[in-house]
C-alpha atoms as a PDB file:
ATOM      1  CA  MET A   1    -116.554   4.037   6.760  1.00  0.00           C
ATOM      2  CA  PRO A   2    -112.959   2.782   7.186  1.00  0.00           C
ATOM      3  CA  THR A   3    -112.492  -0.529   8.852  1.00  0.00           C
ATOM      4  CA  GLY A   4    -109.482  -2.528   9.463  1.00  0.00           C
ATOM      5  CA  GLY A   5    -107.056  -0.258   7.745  1.00  0.00           C
ATOM      6  CA  THR A   6    -109.004   0.409   4.908  1.00  0.00           C
ATOM      7  CA  SER A   7    -110.914   2.916   3.197  1.00  0.00           C
ATOM      8  CA  ILE A   8    -113.567   2.677   1.658  1.00  0.00           C
ATOM      9  CA  ILE A   9    -114.615   5.098  -0.966  1.00  0.00           C
ATOM     10  CA  GLU A  10    -117.590   6.079  -2.526  1.00  0.00           C
ATOM     11  CA  LEU A  11    -117.081   6.344  -6.438  1.00  0.00           C
ATOM     12  CA  ALA A  12    -119.914   8.960  -6.617  1.00  0.00           C
ATOM     13  CA  GLU A  13    -118.165  11.254  -4.588  1.00  0.00           C
ATOM     14  CA  LEU A  14    -114.992  11.254  -6.759  1.00  0.00           C
ATOM     15  CA  ARG A  15    -116.836  12.803  -9.612  1.00  0.00           C
ATOM     16  CA  THR A  16    -116.232  16.297  -8.793  1.00  0.00           C
ATOM     17  CA  PRO A  17    -112.719  16.172  -7.729  1.00  0.00           C
ATOM     18  CA  ALA A  18    -111.810  14.169 -11.026  1.00  0.00           C
ATOM     19  CA  GLY A  19    -113.888  16.627 -13.013  1.00  0.00           C
ATOM     20  CA  LEU A  20    -111.586  19.666 -11.389  1.00  0.00           C
ATOM     21  CA  LEU A  21    -108.869  17.708 -12.077  1.00  0.00           C
ATOM     22  CA  LEU A  22    -109.077  17.271 -15.850  1.00  0.00           C
ATOM     23  CA  ALA A  23    -110.354  20.927 -15.970  1.00  0.00           C
ATOM     24  CA  ALA A  24    -107.026  22.264 -14.167  1.00  0.00           C
ATOM     25  CA  ALA A  25    -104.743  19.869 -16.511  1.00  0.00           C
ATOM     26  CA  ALA A  26    -106.747  20.993 -19.526  1.00  0.00           C
ATOM     27  CA  ALA A  27    -106.205  24.873 -18.357  1.00  0.00           C
ATOM     28  CA  HIS A  28    -102.809  24.348 -17.931  1.00  0.00           C
ATOM     29  CA  THR A  29    -102.000  23.028 -21.104  1.00  0.00           C
ATOM     30  CA  LEU A  30    -103.765  26.385 -22.393  1.00  0.00           C
ATOM     31  CA  LEU A  31    -101.147  28.425 -20.342  1.00  0.00           C
ATOM     32  CA  PRO A  32     -98.116  30.158 -22.062  1.00  0.00           C
ATOM     33  CA  GLY A  33     -94.874  28.732 -20.934  1.00  0.00           C
ATOM     34  CA  HIS A  34     -94.638  26.700 -17.433  1.00  0.00           C
ATOM     35  CA  VAL A  35     -97.369  28.045 -15.241  1.00  0.00           C
ATOM     36  CA  GLY A  36     -97.453  26.147 -12.044  1.00  0.00           C
ATOM     37  CA  LEU A  37     -97.698  26.489  -8.123  1.00  0.00           C
ATOM     38  CA  SER A  38     -94.286  25.532  -6.538  1.00  0.00           C
ATOM     39  CA  CYS A  39     -94.335  23.165  -4.334  1.00  0.00           C
ATOM     40  CA  PRO A  40     -94.225  24.567  -0.407  1.00  0.00           C
ATOM     41  CA  LEU A  41     -92.103  21.778   0.989  1.00  0.00           C
ATOM     42  CA  ARG A  42     -89.402  22.263  -2.087  1.00  0.00           C
ATOM     43  CA  SER A  43     -89.388  25.963  -1.620  1.00  0.00           C
ATOM     44  CA  ALA A  44     -88.854  25.471   1.699  1.00  0.00           C
ATOM     45  CA  THR A  45     -86.560  22.868   2.122  1.00  0.00           C
ATOM     46  CA  GLY A  46     -85.086  21.884  -1.232  1.00  0.00           C
ATOM     47  CA  ILE A  47     -86.821  18.451  -0.704  1.00  0.00           C
ATOM     48  CA  PRO A  48     -89.427  17.805  -3.056  1.00  0.00           C
ATOM     49  CA  CYS A  49     -92.790  16.065  -1.638  1.00  0.00           C
ATOM     50  CA  PRO A  50     -94.418  13.099  -3.357  1.00  0.00           C
ATOM     51  CA  LEU A  51     -96.783  14.701  -5.725  1.00  0.00           C
ATOM     52  CA  CYS A  52     -94.225  17.292  -7.132  1.00  0.00           C
ATOM     53  CA  GLY A  53     -94.777  17.483 -11.032  1.00  0.00           C
ATOM     54  CA  MET A  54     -98.303  16.472 -10.841  1.00  0.00           C
ATOM     55  CA  THR A  55     -99.771  19.515 -12.690  1.00  0.00           C
ATOM     56  CA  THR A  56     -97.213  19.275 -15.306  1.00  0.00           C
ATOM     57  CA  SER A  57     -97.677  15.636 -15.295  1.00  0.00           C
ATOM     58  CA  ALA A  58    -101.607  15.557 -15.623  1.00  0.00           C
ATOM     59  CA  ALA A  59    -101.423  18.179 -18.298  1.00  0.00           C
ATOM     60  CA  ALA A  60     -98.623  16.260 -20.239  1.00  0.00           C
ATOM     61  CA  THR A  61    -101.196  13.363 -20.171  1.00  0.00           C
ATOM     62  CA  LEU A  62    -104.173  15.360 -21.852  1.00  0.00           C
ATOM     63  CA  ARG A  63    -101.717  16.391 -24.662  1.00  0.00           C
ATOM     64  CA  LEU A  64    -100.611  12.696 -25.044  1.00  0.00           C
ATOM     65  CA  HIS A  65     -97.151  13.330 -24.295  1.00  0.00           C
ATOM     66  CA  LEU A  66     -96.955  10.586 -21.928  1.00  0.00           C
ATOM     67  CA  VAL A  67     -93.049  10.037 -22.063  1.00  0.00           C
ATOM     68  CA  ALA A  68     -93.067  14.244 -20.515  1.00  0.00           C
ATOM     69  CA  ALA A  69     -95.895  12.890 -18.179  1.00  0.00           C
ATOM     70  CA  SER A  70     -93.892  10.140 -16.855  1.00  0.00           C
ATOM     71  CA  ARG A  71     -90.519  12.111 -16.232  1.00  0.00           C
ATOM     72  CA  ALA A  72     -92.608  14.801 -14.512  1.00  0.00           C
ATOM     73  CA  ASN A  73     -94.793  12.323 -12.161  1.00  0.00           C
ATOM     74  CA  PRO A  74     -95.819   8.937 -13.259  1.00  0.00           C
ATOM     75  CA  LEU A  75     -98.817   9.400 -10.461  1.00  0.00           C
ATOM     76  CA  GLY A  76     -99.909  12.411 -12.827  1.00  0.00           C
ATOM     77  CA  ILE A  77    -100.787   9.250 -15.768  1.00  0.00           C
ATOM     78  CA  VAL A  78    -102.534   7.257 -13.453  1.00  0.00           C
ATOM     79  CA  ALA A  79    -104.746  10.184 -11.979  1.00  0.00           C
ATOM     80  CA  VAL A  80    -105.881  11.309 -15.473  1.00  0.00           C
ATOM     81  CA  LEU A  81    -106.669   7.918 -16.238  1.00  0.00           C
ATOM     82  CA  ALA A  82    -108.475   7.604 -13.012  1.00  0.00           C
ATOM     83  CA  ALA A  83    -110.456  10.696 -13.468  1.00  0.00           C
ATOM     84  CA  LEU A  84    -111.361   9.819 -17.060  1.00  0.00           C
ATOM     85  CA  VAL A  85    -112.852   6.664 -15.857  1.00  0.00           C
ATOM     86  CA  VAL A  86    -114.941   8.417 -12.857  1.00  0.00           C
ATOM     87  CA  VAL A  87    -116.140  11.083 -15.143  1.00  0.00           C
ATOM     88  CA  VAL A  88    -116.766   9.321 -18.551  1.00  0.00           C
ATOM     89  CA  LEU A  89    -117.955   5.851 -17.172  1.00  0.00           C
ATOM     90  CA  ARG A  90    -119.848   7.011 -13.936  1.00  0.00           C
ATOM     91  CA  PRO A  91    -119.152   3.875 -12.324  1.00  0.00           C
ATOM     92  CA  ARG A  92    -121.517   3.316  -8.971  1.00  0.00           C
ATOM     93  CA  GLY A  93    -120.889   1.554  -5.660  1.00  0.00           C
ATOM     94  CA  THR A  94    -117.997   1.721  -3.390  1.00  0.00           C
ATOM     95  CA  PHE A  95    -114.005   1.027  -3.663  1.00  0.00           C
ATOM     96  CA  ALA A  96    -112.368  -0.339  -0.961  1.00  0.00           C
ATOM     97  CA  LEU A  97    -108.525   0.790  -0.867  1.00  0.00           C
ATOM     98  CA  PRO A  98    -106.581  -0.404   1.998  1.00  0.00           C
ATOM     99  CA  MET A  99    -104.056   2.141   3.737  1.00  0.00           C
ATOM    100  CA  TRP A 100    -101.176   0.076   3.237  1.00  0.00           C
ATOM    101  CA  VAL A 101    -101.270   0.496  -0.816  1.00  0.00           C
ATOM    102  CA  VAL A 102    -101.351   4.445  -0.115  1.00  0.00           C
ATOM    103  CA  VAL A 103     -98.572   4.480   1.917  1.00  0.00           C
ATOM    104  CA  LEU A 104     -96.518   2.303  -0.562  1.00  0.00           C
ATOM    105  CA  VAL A 105     -97.325   4.765  -3.831  1.00  0.00           C
ATOM    106  CA  LEU A 106     -96.843   7.809  -1.771  1.00  0.00           C
ATOM    107  CA  LEU A 107     -93.449   6.493  -0.761  1.00  0.00           C
ATOM    108  CA  SER A 108     -92.414   4.995  -3.880  1.00  0.00           C
ATOM    109  CA  SER A 109     -93.706   8.511  -5.443  1.00  0.00           C
ATOM    110  CA  TRP A 110     -91.486  10.207  -2.922  1.00  0.00           C
ATOM    111  CA  LEU A 111     -88.397   8.169  -4.091  1.00  0.00           C
ATOM    112  CA  PHE A 112     -89.194   8.759  -7.661  1.00  0.00           C
ATOM    113  CA  GLU A 113     -89.003  12.414  -6.854  1.00  0.00           C
ATOM    114  CA  LEU A 114     -86.080  12.366  -4.574  1.00  0.00           C
ATOM    115  CA  VAL A 115     -84.024  10.470  -7.572  1.00  0.00           C
ATOM    116  CA  ARG A 116     -85.348  12.942  -9.898  1.00  0.00           C
ATOM    117  CA  PHE A 117     -84.175  15.858  -8.180  1.00  0.00           C
ATOM    118  CA  SER A 118     -80.815  14.291  -7.667  1.00  0.00           C
ATOM    119  CA  ILE A 119     -81.119  13.992  -3.881  1.00  0.00           C
ATOM    120  CA  LEU A 120     -80.619  10.375  -3.317  1.00  0.00           C
END
């Protein structure tokens, strides 16, 4: 239950999405060439979203190509590490995440993408 601008996350509820993230990234590494979904925002406007490059980054992280992963989107590395913690260590309990942290991370990621695609 959100309280005062903070989201309370039940860690056990993250296991399925974390497992799906890892499975999708692993499957992406098995596909020949660069196969991925194009970003609807970038396709429509030419402007990347904050999560552009996440699939490529997550797949590169699983292959331990961390330089390539960080060039695609540094959040992919963070997402894979967090997913591994949730799936492998299976932590219990809750995690409080202030919304300002979410906003700051997404804005930072968007700035990264705007620079990466030479928009800024």
